[in-house]
Amino acid sequence: MDNLKVLKRDTLRYKKNSLPANLALLGLLFNCLYFCILYGFKTSTMSIDGETQTTWFATILIGASVILTLVMLLVNFLASEGIKGYKKHFCIVLLVLAAVQIARIFIYPSYVLKYSEQFNLTYFWIPGDGTLPGIMMIVWLCASAACLIASAIIGYINCRELESHLAEVESGKVDMDELFARDRDEIVASTSADNSVKEVE
């Protein structure tokens, strides 16, 4: 059983860290779904207590949001490629991205839900106020953050396993050539025994 575990860990040397990388890309996809809703709002002014106010969709804040989105998309993609190559420090990058996604919930989604009656947006071909889009923005941000956190955790575990295995191989604690030879001999012995049984039958 221990040999099987060692062999399984050894395969990490020859394959990409695909699951965390795919989870990071899934987080990027949910981020795209979020900003597709966010940038669908066109309301520039709204009336509160009879007073006309400029919405956050017509201020410099929306420009900062666009820049943040572009930076996050780029960093997210680079992090997915980095974690695919077992670069452990990208786990921290993924966690930071997840934290940013969670923080974003308290900006535009909260704003839209607070003044939902002031916004009109057709979502999934359903016309209405900002309630449904606001809720869906929170859902997409939470889903994105969850994928990024999962990517960071799984990626870190795989990176640690590979580092530990390589350290054992380099120190001589694990001899993969000997292990492969032993497994080959066991397979040959097992095959010979099966052939002997068939001949007796």
N, C-alpha and C. Protein backbone atom coordinates (compact mmCIF):
# COMPACT_ATOMS: atom_id res chain seq x y z
N MET A 1 0.83 -1.21 0.00
CA MET A 1 0.00 0.00 0.00
C MET A 1 0.87 1.26 0.00
N ASP A 2 1.98 1.22 0.80
CA ASP A 2 2.91 2.34 0.85
C ASP A 2 3.56 2.57 -0.51
N ASN A 3 3.89 1.45 -1.20
CA ASN A 3 4.49 1.56 -2.52
C ASN A 3 3.55 2.24 -3.51
N LEU A 4 2.28 1.89 -3.42
CA LEU A 4 1.28 2.50 -4.30
C LEU A 4 1.18 4.00 -4.04
N LYS A 5 1.26 4.37 -2.77
CA LYS A 5 1.20 5.79 -2.42
C LYS A 5 2.40 6.53 -2.98
N VAL A 6 3.58 5.92 -2.87
CA VAL A 6 4.80 6.54 -3.40
C VAL A 6 4.71 6.68 -4.91
N LEU A 7 4.22 5.64 -5.57
CA LEU A 7 4.08 5.68 -7.03
C LEU A 7 3.09 6.75 -7.45
N LYS A 8 2.02 6.88 -6.68
CA LYS A 8 1.02 7.91 -6.99
C LYS A 8 1.62 9.30 -6.87
N ARG A 9 2.41 9.50 -5.82
CA ARG A 9 3.06 10.80 -5.64
C ARG A 9 4.09 11.06 -6.72
N ASP A 10 4.75 9.99 -7.19
CA ASP A 10 5.76 10.15 -8.23
C ASP A 10 5.15 10.61 -9.55
N THR A 11 3.88 10.24 -9.78
CA THR A 11 3.23 10.66 -11.03
C THR A 11 3.07 12.18 -11.10
N LEU A 12 3.10 12.85 -9.95
CA LEU A 12 2.98 14.31 -9.95
C LEU A 12 4.11 14.97 -10.73
N ARG A 13 5.23 14.28 -10.83
CA ARG A 13 6.38 14.83 -11.56
C ARG A 13 6.12 14.90 -13.06
N TYR A 14 5.18 14.11 -13.54
CA TYR A 14 4.99 13.97 -14.99
C TYR A 14 3.64 14.47 -15.48
N LYS A 15 2.86 15.06 -14.59
CA LYS A 15 1.58 15.61 -15.03
C LYS A 15 1.36 16.99 -14.43
N LYS A 16 0.49 17.76 -15.08
CA LYS A 16 0.20 19.11 -14.63
C LYS A 16 -0.73 19.09 -13.41
N ASN A 17 -0.69 20.16 -12.67
CA ASN A 17 -1.58 20.33 -11.51
C ASN A 17 -2.92 20.85 -12.03
N SER A 18 -3.64 19.98 -12.74
CA SER A 18 -4.77 20.40 -13.56
C SER A 18 -6.00 20.84 -12.77
N LEU A 19 -6.36 20.10 -11.73
CA LEU A 19 -7.59 20.41 -10.99
C LEU A 19 -7.57 21.82 -10.40
N PRO A 20 -6.54 22.21 -9.66
CA PRO A 20 -6.51 23.59 -9.16
C PRO A 20 -6.50 24.63 -10.28
N ALA A 21 -5.80 24.33 -11.37
CA ALA A 21 -5.76 25.26 -12.50
C ALA A 21 -7.15 25.45 -13.10
N ASN A 22 -7.89 24.35 -13.24
CA ASN A 22 -9.24 24.43 -13.80
C ASN A 22 -10.19 25.15 -12.86
N LEU A 23 -10.01 24.94 -11.56
CA LEU A 23 -10.84 25.65 -10.58
C LEU A 23 -10.58 27.15 -10.64
N ALA A 24 -9.32 27.52 -10.83
CA ALA A 24 -8.99 28.95 -10.96
C ALA A 24 -9.64 29.55 -12.20
N LEU A 25 -9.65 28.80 -13.29
CA LEU A 25 -10.30 29.27 -14.52
C LEU A 25 -11.80 29.36 -14.34
N LEU A 26 -12.37 28.43 -13.55
CA LEU A 26 -13.80 28.48 -13.27
C LEU A 26 -14.13 29.74 -12.45
N GLY A 27 -13.23 30.07 -11.52
CA GLY A 27 -13.40 31.31 -10.77
C GLY A 27 -13.36 32.52 -11.68
N LEU A 28 -12.50 32.47 -12.69
CA LEU A 28 -12.43 33.55 -13.68
C LEU A 28 -13.73 33.65 -14.46
N LEU A 29 -14.32 32.50 -14.81
CA LEU A 29 -15.59 32.49 -15.55
C LEU A 29 -16.70 33.14 -14.72
N PHE A 30 -16.78 32.80 -13.44
CA PHE A 30 -17.80 33.40 -12.58
C PHE A 30 -17.58 34.90 -12.44
N ASN A 31 -16.33 35.32 -12.46
CA ASN A 31 -16.02 36.75 -12.43
C ASN A 31 -16.56 37.45 -13.68
N CYS A 32 -16.43 36.77 -14.81
CA CYS A 32 -16.95 37.32 -16.07
C CYS A 32 -18.48 37.45 -16.01
N LEU A 33 -19.14 36.45 -15.45
CA LEU A 33 -20.60 36.52 -15.31
C LEU A 33 -21.00 37.68 -14.41
N TYR A 34 -20.18 37.93 -13.38
CA TYR A 34 -20.46 39.05 -12.47
C TYR A 34 -20.39 40.38 -13.21
N PHE A 35 -19.30 40.62 -13.93
CA PHE A 35 -19.18 41.94 -14.54
C PHE A 35 -20.08 42.11 -15.76
N CYS A 36 -20.55 41.00 -16.33
CA CYS A 36 -21.55 41.12 -17.41
C CYS A 36 -22.84 41.74 -16.89
N ILE A 37 -23.19 41.42 -15.64
CA ILE A 37 -24.36 42.05 -15.02
C ILE A 37 -24.03 43.48 -14.61
N LEU A 38 -22.88 43.63 -13.95
CA LEU A 38 -22.50 44.95 -13.42
C LEU A 38 -22.50 46.01 -14.50
N TYR A 39 -21.88 45.71 -15.63
CA TYR A 39 -21.76 46.72 -16.69
C TYR A 39 -23.00 46.78 -17.57
N GLY A 40 -24.05 46.05 -17.17
CA GLY A 40 -25.33 46.15 -17.87
C GLY A 40 -26.20 47.28 -17.33
N PHE A 41 -25.83 47.81 -16.16
CA PHE A 41 -26.58 48.93 -15.58
C PHE A 41 -26.22 50.22 -16.31
N LYS A 42 -27.26 50.96 -16.73
CA LYS A 42 -27.04 52.21 -17.48
C LYS A 42 -27.60 53.42 -16.75
N THR A 43 -28.20 53.22 -15.59
CA THR A 43 -28.83 54.33 -14.87
C THR A 43 -27.77 55.29 -14.35
N SER A 44 -27.89 56.55 -14.74
CA SER A 44 -26.90 57.55 -14.33
C SER A 44 -27.38 58.43 -13.17
N THR A 45 -28.70 58.57 -13.07
CA THR A 45 -29.26 59.38 -11.96
C THR A 45 -30.44 58.64 -11.35
N MET A 46 -30.72 58.97 -10.10
CA MET A 46 -31.88 58.40 -9.43
C MET A 46 -32.43 59.43 -8.46
N SER A 47 -33.69 59.23 -8.08
CA SER A 47 -34.37 60.17 -7.20
C SER A 47 -34.53 59.55 -5.81
N ILE A 48 -33.97 60.19 -4.80
CA ILE A 48 -34.09 59.73 -3.42
C ILE A 48 -34.65 60.88 -2.57
N ASP A 49 -35.82 60.66 -1.98
CA ASP A 49 -36.51 61.68 -1.18
C ASP A 49 -36.70 62.96 -1.97
N GLY A 50 -37.04 62.80 -3.26
CA GLY A 50 -37.30 63.95 -4.11
C GLY A 50 -36.07 64.66 -4.60
N GLU A 51 -34.90 64.12 -4.25
CA GLU A 51 -33.64 64.75 -4.67
C GLU A 51 -32.95 63.88 -5.71
N THR A 52 -32.53 64.48 -6.80
CA THR A 52 -31.84 63.75 -7.87
C THR A 52 -30.37 63.57 -7.51
N GLN A 53 -29.93 62.32 -7.57
CA GLN A 53 -28.53 62.02 -7.24
C GLN A 53 -27.89 61.23 -8.37
N THR A 54 -26.59 61.41 -8.51
CA THR A 54 -25.83 60.65 -9.50
C THR A 54 -25.54 59.26 -8.94
N THR A 55 -25.80 58.23 -9.73
CA THR A 55 -25.55 56.87 -9.26
C THR A 55 -24.07 56.53 -9.35
N TRP A 56 -23.70 55.44 -8.70
CA TRP A 56 -22.31 54.99 -8.74
C TRP A 56 -21.90 54.50 -10.13
N PHE A 57 -22.89 54.36 -11.01
CA PHE A 57 -22.59 53.89 -12.37
C PHE A 57 -22.20 55.05 -13.29
N ALA A 58 -22.20 56.26 -12.75
CA ALA A 58 -21.81 57.43 -13.55
C ALA A 58 -20.74 58.24 -12.82
N THR A 59 -19.94 57.56 -12.01
CA THR A 59 -18.86 58.22 -11.29
C THR A 59 -17.53 57.55 -11.62
N ILE A 60 -16.46 58.09 -11.05
CA ILE A 60 -15.13 57.52 -11.29
C ILE A 60 -15.02 56.11 -10.72
N LEU A 61 -15.93 55.74 -9.81
CA LEU A 61 -15.90 54.42 -9.19
C LEU A 61 -16.07 53.31 -10.24
N ILE A 62 -16.90 53.56 -11.26
CA ILE A 62 -17.11 52.54 -12.29
C ILE A 62 -15.85 52.39 -13.13
N GLY A 63 -15.10 53.48 -13.31
CA GLY A 63 -13.83 53.40 -14.03
C GLY A 63 -12.81 52.57 -13.25
N ALA A 64 -12.79 52.80 -11.93
CA ALA A 64 -11.89 52.01 -11.08
C ALA A 64 -12.30 50.54 -11.11
N SER A 65 -13.60 50.29 -11.18
CA SER A 65 -14.09 48.91 -11.25
C SER A 65 -13.64 48.22 -12.54
N VAL A 66 -13.67 48.95 -13.64
CA VAL A 66 -13.23 48.40 -14.92
C VAL A 66 -11.74 48.03 -14.86
N ILE A 67 -10.94 48.93 -14.32
CA ILE A 67 -9.49 48.67 -14.21
C ILE A 67 -9.24 47.47 -13.30
N LEU A 68 -9.95 47.42 -12.16
CA LEU A 68 -9.80 46.29 -11.23
C LEU A 68 -10.18 44.98 -11.89
N THR A 69 -11.25 45.00 -12.66
CA THR A 69 -11.70 43.79 -13.35
C THR A 69 -10.66 43.29 -14.34
N LEU A 70 -10.09 44.21 -15.13
CA LEU A 70 -9.07 43.82 -16.10
C LEU A 70 -7.83 43.24 -15.41
N VAL A 71 -7.40 43.88 -14.32
CA VAL A 71 -6.23 43.40 -13.57
C VAL A 71 -6.51 42.02 -12.99
N MET A 72 -7.72 41.85 -12.42
CA MET A 72 -8.06 40.57 -11.81
C MET A 72 -8.13 39.44 -12.84
N LEU A 73 -8.67 39.74 -14.01
CA LEU A 73 -8.74 38.72 -15.06
C LEU A 73 -7.34 38.28 -15.46
N LEU A 74 -6.45 39.24 -15.63
CA LEU A 74 -5.07 38.92 -16.02
C LEU A 74 -4.36 38.12 -14.93
N VAL A 75 -4.45 38.60 -13.68
CA VAL A 75 -3.77 37.92 -12.57
C VAL A 75 -4.37 36.54 -12.34
N ASN A 76 -5.70 36.44 -12.48
CA ASN A 76 -6.36 35.15 -12.30
C ASN A 76 -5.85 34.13 -13.32
N PHE A 77 -5.73 34.55 -14.57
CA PHE A 77 -5.25 33.64 -15.61
C PHE A 77 -3.79 33.24 -15.34
N LEU A 78 -2.97 34.21 -14.97
CA LEU A 78 -1.56 33.91 -14.68
C LEU A 78 -1.45 32.97 -13.48
N ALA A 79 -2.32 33.17 -12.48
CA ALA A 79 -2.30 32.30 -11.30
C ALA A 79 -2.69 30.88 -11.66
N SER A 80 -3.65 30.72 -12.56
CA SER A 80 -4.06 29.38 -12.99
C SER A 80 -2.92 28.66 -13.71
N GLU A 81 -2.16 29.41 -14.51
CA GLU A 81 -1.02 28.82 -15.20
C GLU A 81 0.11 28.51 -14.21
N GLY A 82 0.29 29.39 -13.24
CA GLY A 82 1.34 29.18 -12.25
C GLY A 82 1.08 27.97 -11.38
N ILE A 83 -0.16 27.83 -10.91
CA ILE A 83 -0.49 26.70 -10.04
C ILE A 83 -0.48 25.40 -10.83
N LYS A 84 -0.72 25.50 -12.13
CA LYS A 84 -0.64 24.30 -12.98
C LYS A 84 0.79 23.76 -13.01
N GLY A 85 1.76 24.64 -12.87
CA GLY A 85 3.16 24.23 -12.87
C GLY A 85 3.72 24.01 -11.47
N TYR A 86 2.86 23.84 -10.49
CA TYR A 86 3.26 23.56 -9.09
C TYR A 86 4.08 24.70 -8.48
N LYS A 87 3.75 25.94 -8.82
CA LYS A 87 4.42 27.09 -8.22
C LYS A 87 3.59 27.52 -7.00
N LYS A 88 4.09 27.17 -5.83
CA LYS A 88 3.32 27.27 -4.59
C LYS A 88 2.93 28.70 -4.24
N HIS A 89 3.76 29.68 -4.58
CA HIS A 89 3.45 31.05 -4.18
C HIS A 89 2.20 31.59 -4.84
N PHE A 90 1.75 30.96 -5.93
CA PHE A 90 0.51 31.40 -6.57
C PHE A 90 -0.72 31.07 -5.73
N CYS A 91 -0.57 30.19 -4.74
CA CYS A 91 -1.68 29.90 -3.82
C CYS A 91 -2.05 31.16 -3.05
N ILE A 92 -1.05 31.95 -2.67
CA ILE A 92 -1.30 33.20 -1.97
C ILE A 92 -2.03 34.18 -2.88
N VAL A 93 -1.61 34.23 -4.14
CA VAL A 93 -2.26 35.11 -5.12
C VAL A 93 -3.73 34.74 -5.26
N LEU A 94 -4.02 33.45 -5.33
CA LEU A 94 -5.41 33.00 -5.46
C LEU A 94 -6.24 33.37 -4.25
N LEU A 95 -5.66 33.28 -3.06
CA LEU A 95 -6.38 33.65 -1.84
C LEU A 95 -6.64 35.16 -1.79
N VAL A 96 -5.69 35.95 -2.26
CA VAL A 96 -5.88 37.41 -2.32
C VAL A 96 -7.01 37.74 -3.30
N LEU A 97 -7.03 37.08 -4.45
CA LEU A 97 -8.10 37.29 -5.42
C LEU A 97 -9.46 36.93 -4.82
N ALA A 98 -9.50 35.84 -4.07
CA ALA A 98 -10.75 35.42 -3.42
C ALA A 98 -11.21 36.48 -2.41
N ALA A 99 -10.26 37.04 -1.65
CA ALA A 99 -10.59 38.08 -0.68
C ALA A 99 -11.15 39.32 -1.37
N VAL A 100 -10.57 39.67 -2.51
CA VAL A 100 -11.06 40.83 -3.28
C VAL A 100 -12.49 40.57 -3.76
N GLN A 101 -12.75 39.36 -4.22
CA GLN A 101 -14.10 39.03 -4.69
C GLN A 101 -15.12 39.15 -3.56
N ILE A 102 -14.75 38.69 -2.38
CA ILE A 102 -15.66 38.80 -1.24
C ILE A 102 -15.88 40.27 -0.87
N ALA A 103 -14.82 41.06 -0.91
CA ALA A 103 -14.93 42.49 -0.58
C ALA A 103 -15.83 43.22 -1.58
N ARG A 104 -15.81 42.77 -2.83
CA ARG A 104 -16.62 43.44 -3.87
C ARG A 104 -18.11 43.29 -3.62
N ILE A 105 -18.49 42.28 -2.85
CA ILE A 105 -19.91 42.08 -2.54
C ILE A 105 -20.48 43.31 -1.84
N PHE A 106 -19.66 43.99 -1.05
CA PHE A 106 -20.14 45.10 -0.23
C PHE A 106 -20.07 46.44 -0.97
N ILE A 107 -19.76 46.39 -2.26
CA ILE A 107 -19.72 47.63 -3.03
C ILE A 107 -20.94 47.68 -3.96
N TYR A 108 -20.78 47.32 -5.21
CA TYR A 108 -21.89 47.45 -6.16
C TYR A 108 -23.09 46.54 -5.88
N PRO A 109 -22.90 45.25 -5.59
CA PRO A 109 -24.09 44.42 -5.30
C PRO A 109 -24.92 44.95 -4.14
N SER A 110 -24.26 45.35 -3.06
CA SER A 110 -24.98 45.91 -1.91
C SER A 110 -25.67 47.22 -2.28
N TYR A 111 -25.00 48.02 -3.08
CA TYR A 111 -25.57 49.30 -3.53
C TYR A 111 -26.82 49.07 -4.38
N VAL A 112 -26.73 48.11 -5.29
CA VAL A 112 -27.87 47.81 -6.17
C VAL A 112 -29.06 47.29 -5.35
N LEU A 113 -28.80 46.43 -4.39
CA LEU A 113 -29.88 45.89 -3.57
C LEU A 113 -30.49 46.97 -2.67
N LYS A 114 -29.67 47.88 -2.20
CA LYS A 114 -30.16 48.95 -1.32
C LYS A 114 -31.12 49.86 -2.06
N TYR A 115 -30.81 50.16 -3.33
CA TYR A 115 -31.65 51.05 -4.12
C TYR A 115 -32.23 50.30 -5.32
N SER A 116 -32.64 49.06 -5.10
CA SER A 116 -33.08 48.20 -6.21
C SER A 116 -34.21 48.79 -7.02
N GLU A 117 -35.13 49.53 -6.35
CA GLU A 117 -36.30 50.07 -7.07
C GLU A 117 -35.90 51.18 -8.04
N GLN A 118 -34.67 51.70 -7.90
CA GLN A 118 -34.22 52.79 -8.75
C GLN A 118 -33.61 52.29 -10.07
N PHE A 119 -33.38 50.97 -10.15
CA PHE A 119 -32.69 50.44 -11.32
C PHE A 119 -33.61 49.54 -12.14
N ASN A 120 -33.46 49.64 -13.43
CA ASN A 120 -34.18 48.76 -14.35
C ASN A 120 -33.16 48.00 -15.18
N LEU A 121 -33.30 46.69 -15.20
CA LEU A 121 -32.36 45.87 -15.97
C LEU A 121 -33.04 44.56 -16.35
N THR A 122 -32.95 44.22 -17.62
CA THR A 122 -33.48 42.94 -18.08
C THR A 122 -32.43 41.87 -17.85
N TYR A 123 -32.78 40.87 -17.04
CA TYR A 123 -31.83 39.80 -16.71
C TYR A 123 -32.46 38.47 -17.03
N PHE A 124 -31.75 37.64 -17.81
CA PHE A 124 -32.32 36.38 -18.30
C PHE A 124 -33.64 36.66 -19.02
N TRP A 125 -33.67 37.76 -19.78
CA TRP A 125 -34.85 38.16 -20.54
C TRP A 125 -36.05 38.46 -19.65
N ILE A 126 -35.79 38.72 -18.34
CA ILE A 126 -36.86 39.06 -17.40
C ILE A 126 -36.67 40.51 -16.98
N PRO A 127 -37.56 41.42 -17.44
CA PRO A 127 -37.43 42.82 -17.03
C PRO A 127 -37.83 42.99 -15.57
N GLY A 128 -37.17 43.92 -14.89
CA GLY A 128 -37.51 44.17 -13.49
C GLY A 128 -36.57 45.18 -12.87
N ASP A 129 -36.61 45.26 -11.54
CA ASP A 129 -35.72 46.20 -10.85
C ASP A 129 -34.37 45.53 -10.59
N GLY A 130 -33.60 46.09 -9.66
CA GLY A 130 -32.25 45.58 -9.45
C GLY A 130 -32.13 44.42 -8.47
N THR A 131 -33.26 43.90 -7.97
CA THR A 131 -33.19 42.86 -6.95
C THR A 131 -32.53 41.58 -7.46
N LEU A 132 -33.07 41.01 -8.53
CA LEU A 132 -32.52 39.77 -9.07
C LEU A 132 -31.08 39.93 -9.56
N PRO A 133 -30.78 40.97 -10.34
CA PRO A 133 -29.37 41.15 -10.74
C PRO A 133 -28.44 41.34 -9.55
N GLY A 134 -28.90 42.06 -8.52
CA GLY A 134 -28.07 42.26 -7.34
C GLY A 134 -27.77 40.95 -6.63
N ILE A 135 -28.80 40.11 -6.51
CA ILE A 135 -28.61 38.80 -5.88
C ILE A 135 -27.66 37.94 -6.70
N MET A 136 -27.84 37.95 -8.02
CA MET A 136 -27.00 37.12 -8.88
C MET A 136 -25.55 37.60 -8.89
N MET A 137 -25.33 38.90 -8.74
CA MET A 137 -23.96 39.39 -8.65
C MET A 137 -23.28 38.82 -7.40
N ILE A 138 -24.02 38.77 -6.30
CA ILE A 138 -23.47 38.19 -5.07
C ILE A 138 -23.19 36.71 -5.25
N VAL A 139 -24.12 36.00 -5.92
CA VAL A 139 -23.94 34.57 -6.17
C VAL A 139 -22.68 34.32 -6.99
N TRP A 140 -22.48 35.09 -8.07
CA TRP A 140 -21.31 34.89 -8.93
C TRP A 140 -20.02 35.23 -8.21
N LEU A 141 -20.04 36.27 -7.39
CA LEU A 141 -18.83 36.62 -6.63
C LEU A 141 -18.49 35.55 -5.59
N CYS A 142 -19.51 35.04 -4.91
CA CYS A 142 -19.28 33.97 -3.92
C CYS A 142 -18.77 32.70 -4.60
N ALA A 143 -19.35 32.37 -5.77
CA ALA A 143 -18.91 31.19 -6.51
C ALA A 143 -17.47 31.36 -6.98
N SER A 144 -17.13 32.56 -7.44
CA SER A 144 -15.77 32.84 -7.88
C SER A 144 -14.79 32.70 -6.72
N ALA A 145 -15.14 33.29 -5.57
CA ALA A 145 -14.27 33.22 -4.40
C ALA A 145 -14.10 31.78 -3.93
N ALA A 146 -15.19 31.00 -3.94
CA ALA A 146 -15.12 29.60 -3.51
C ALA A 146 -14.19 28.79 -4.41
N CYS A 147 -14.27 29.01 -5.72
CA CYS A 147 -13.41 28.29 -6.66
C CYS A 147 -11.94 28.67 -6.46
N LEU A 148 -11.70 29.95 -6.23
CA LEU A 148 -10.32 30.41 -6.03
C LEU A 148 -9.73 29.85 -4.73
N ILE A 149 -10.54 29.81 -3.68
CA ILE A 149 -10.07 29.25 -2.41
C ILE A 149 -9.79 27.76 -2.55
N ALA A 150 -10.71 27.04 -3.21
CA ALA A 150 -10.52 25.61 -3.43
C ALA A 150 -9.27 25.36 -4.27
N SER A 151 -9.06 26.19 -5.27
CA SER A 151 -7.87 26.07 -6.13
C SER A 151 -6.61 26.26 -5.31
N ALA A 152 -6.62 27.26 -4.42
CA ALA A 152 -5.44 27.54 -3.59
C ALA A 152 -5.14 26.38 -2.64
N ILE A 153 -6.19 25.84 -2.00
CA ILE A 153 -6.00 24.77 -1.02
C ILE A 153 -5.51 23.49 -1.68
N ILE A 154 -6.22 23.06 -2.73
CA ILE A 154 -5.84 21.83 -3.43
C ILE A 154 -4.47 21.98 -4.08
N GLY A 155 -4.23 23.15 -4.66
CA GLY A 155 -2.94 23.40 -5.29
C GLY A 155 -1.81 23.35 -4.28
N TYR A 156 -2.02 23.91 -3.09
CA TYR A 156 -0.99 23.91 -2.05
C TYR A 156 -0.70 22.48 -1.59
N ILE A 157 -1.76 21.69 -1.40
CA ILE A 157 -1.58 20.29 -0.97
C ILE A 157 -0.75 19.52 -1.99
N ASN A 158 -1.08 19.67 -3.27
CA ASN A 158 -0.35 18.97 -4.33
C ASN A 158 1.10 19.45 -4.42
N CYS A 159 1.31 20.75 -4.25
CA CYS A 159 2.67 21.29 -4.29
C CYS A 159 3.51 20.74 -3.14
N ARG A 160 2.91 20.67 -1.95
CA ARG A 160 3.61 20.13 -0.79
C ARG A 160 3.95 18.65 -0.98
N GLU A 161 3.00 17.90 -1.54
CA GLU A 161 3.25 16.47 -1.78
C GLU A 161 4.41 16.28 -2.75
N LEU A 162 4.40 17.07 -3.82
CA LEU A 162 5.48 16.95 -4.81
C LEU A 162 6.82 17.36 -4.20
N GLU A 163 6.85 18.45 -3.44
CA GLU A 163 8.09 18.89 -2.80
C GLU A 163 8.61 17.83 -1.84
N SER A 164 7.72 17.25 -1.05
CA SER A 164 8.11 16.22 -0.10
C SER A 164 8.66 14.99 -0.81
N HIS A 165 8.00 14.61 -1.89
CA HIS A 165 8.44 13.44 -2.65
C HIS A 165 9.81 13.68 -3.29
N LEU A 166 10.00 14.84 -3.88
CA LEU A 166 11.29 15.15 -4.52
C LEU A 166 12.41 15.20 -3.48
N ALA A 167 12.09 15.72 -2.28
CA ALA A 167 13.09 15.76 -1.21
C ALA A 167 13.49 14.35 -0.78
N GLU A 168 12.52 13.44 -0.71
CA GLU A 168 12.81 12.06 -0.33
C GLU A 168 13.63 11.35 -1.40
N VAL A 169 13.33 11.63 -2.67
CA VAL A 169 14.09 11.02 -3.77
C VAL A 169 15.53 11.53 -3.77
N GLU A 170 15.68 12.86 -3.60
CA GLU A 170 17.03 13.44 -3.62
C GLU A 170 17.87 12.98 -2.42
N SER A 171 17.25 12.77 -1.28
CA SER A 171 17.98 12.34 -0.09
C SER A 171 18.29 10.85 -0.10
N GLY A 172 17.66 10.11 -1.03
CA GLY A 172 17.89 8.67 -1.11
C GLY A 172 16.95 7.87 -0.24
N LYS A 173 16.04 8.55 0.44
CA LYS A 173 15.09 7.85 1.29
C LYS A 173 14.15 6.98 0.45
N VAL A 174 13.87 7.46 -0.75
CA VAL A 174 13.04 6.71 -1.70
C VAL A 174 13.84 6.48 -2.96
N ASP A 175 13.96 5.23 -3.37
CA ASP A 175 14.67 4.86 -4.60
C ASP A 175 13.64 4.36 -5.60
N MET A 176 13.29 5.24 -6.55
CA MET A 176 12.24 4.90 -7.50
C MET A 176 12.66 3.75 -8.42
N ASP A 177 13.95 3.68 -8.81
CA ASP A 177 14.41 2.58 -9.67
C ASP A 177 14.22 1.24 -8.98
N GLU A 178 14.56 1.21 -7.70
CA GLU A 178 14.39 -0.03 -6.93
C GLU A 178 12.92 -0.39 -6.79
N LEU A 179 12.11 0.64 -6.59
CA LEU A 179 10.68 0.41 -6.43
C LEU A 179 10.07 -0.13 -7.72
N PHE A 180 10.45 0.47 -8.85
CA PHE A 180 9.94 -0.01 -10.14
C PHE A 180 10.40 -1.43 -10.42
N ALA A 181 11.66 -1.75 -10.09
CA ALA A 181 12.19 -3.10 -10.30
C ALA A 181 11.45 -4.11 -9.43
N ARG A 182 11.17 -3.73 -8.20
CA ARG A 182 10.44 -4.62 -7.30
C ARG A 182 9.03 -4.89 -7.81
N ASP A 183 8.37 -3.84 -8.28
CA ASP A 183 7.02 -4.02 -8.82
C ASP A 183 7.04 -4.89 -10.07
N ARG A 184 8.08 -4.70 -10.91
CA ARG A 184 8.19 -5.50 -12.14
C ARG A 184 8.38 -6.97 -11.79
N ASP A 185 9.21 -7.25 -10.78
CA ASP A 185 9.43 -8.65 -10.36
C ASP A 185 8.15 -9.26 -9.80
N GLU A 186 7.38 -8.45 -9.06
CA GLU A 186 6.12 -8.95 -8.50
C GLU A 186 5.13 -9.27 -9.60
N ILE A 187 5.11 -8.42 -10.62
CA ILE A 187 4.20 -8.66 -11.75
C ILE A 187 4.59 -9.92 -12.50
N VAL A 188 5.91 -10.10 -12.73
CA VAL A 188 6.39 -11.30 -13.42
C VAL A 188 6.07 -12.55 -12.62
N ALA A 189 6.31 -12.48 -11.30
CA ALA A 189 6.02 -13.63 -10.44
C ALA A 189 4.54 -13.96 -10.43
N SER A 190 3.71 -12.93 -10.39
CA SER A 190 2.26 -13.13 -10.39
C SER A 190 1.80 -13.74 -11.71
N THR A 191 2.38 -13.27 -12.81
CA THR A 191 2.01 -13.80 -14.13
C THR A 191 2.44 -15.26 -14.27
N SER A 192 3.64 -15.59 -13.78
CA SER A 192 4.13 -16.97 -13.83
C SER A 192 3.24 -17.89 -13.01
N ALA A 193 2.81 -17.43 -11.87
CA ALA A 193 1.93 -18.24 -11.00
C ALA A 193 0.59 -18.48 -11.69
N ASP A 194 0.07 -17.45 -12.35
CA ASP A 194 -1.21 -17.62 -13.05
C ASP A 194 -1.08 -18.60 -14.19
N ASN A 195 0.05 -18.57 -14.92
CA ASN A 195 0.26 -19.49 -16.03
C ASN A 195 0.40 -20.93 -15.53
N SER A 196 1.05 -21.09 -14.37
CA SER A 196 1.21 -22.43 -13.79
C SER A 196 -0.14 -23.02 -13.41
N VAL A 197 -1.00 -22.19 -12.84
CA VAL A 197 -2.34 -22.65 -12.46
C VAL A 197 -3.13 -23.06 -13.68
N LYS A 198 -3.01 -22.29 -14.76
CA LYS A 198 -3.74 -22.63 -15.99
C LYS A 198 -3.24 -23.94 -16.58
N GLU A 199 -1.91 -24.18 -16.51
CA GLU A 199 -1.36 -25.41 -17.06
C GLU A 199 -1.84 -26.63 -16.27
N VAL A 200 -1.93 -26.48 -14.94
CA VAL A 200 -2.41 -27.58 -14.10
C VAL A 200 -3.87 -27.90 -14.42
N GLU A 201 -4.64 -26.86 -14.65
CA GLU A 201 -6.05 -27.08 -14.99
C GLU A 201 -6.17 -27.78 -16.34
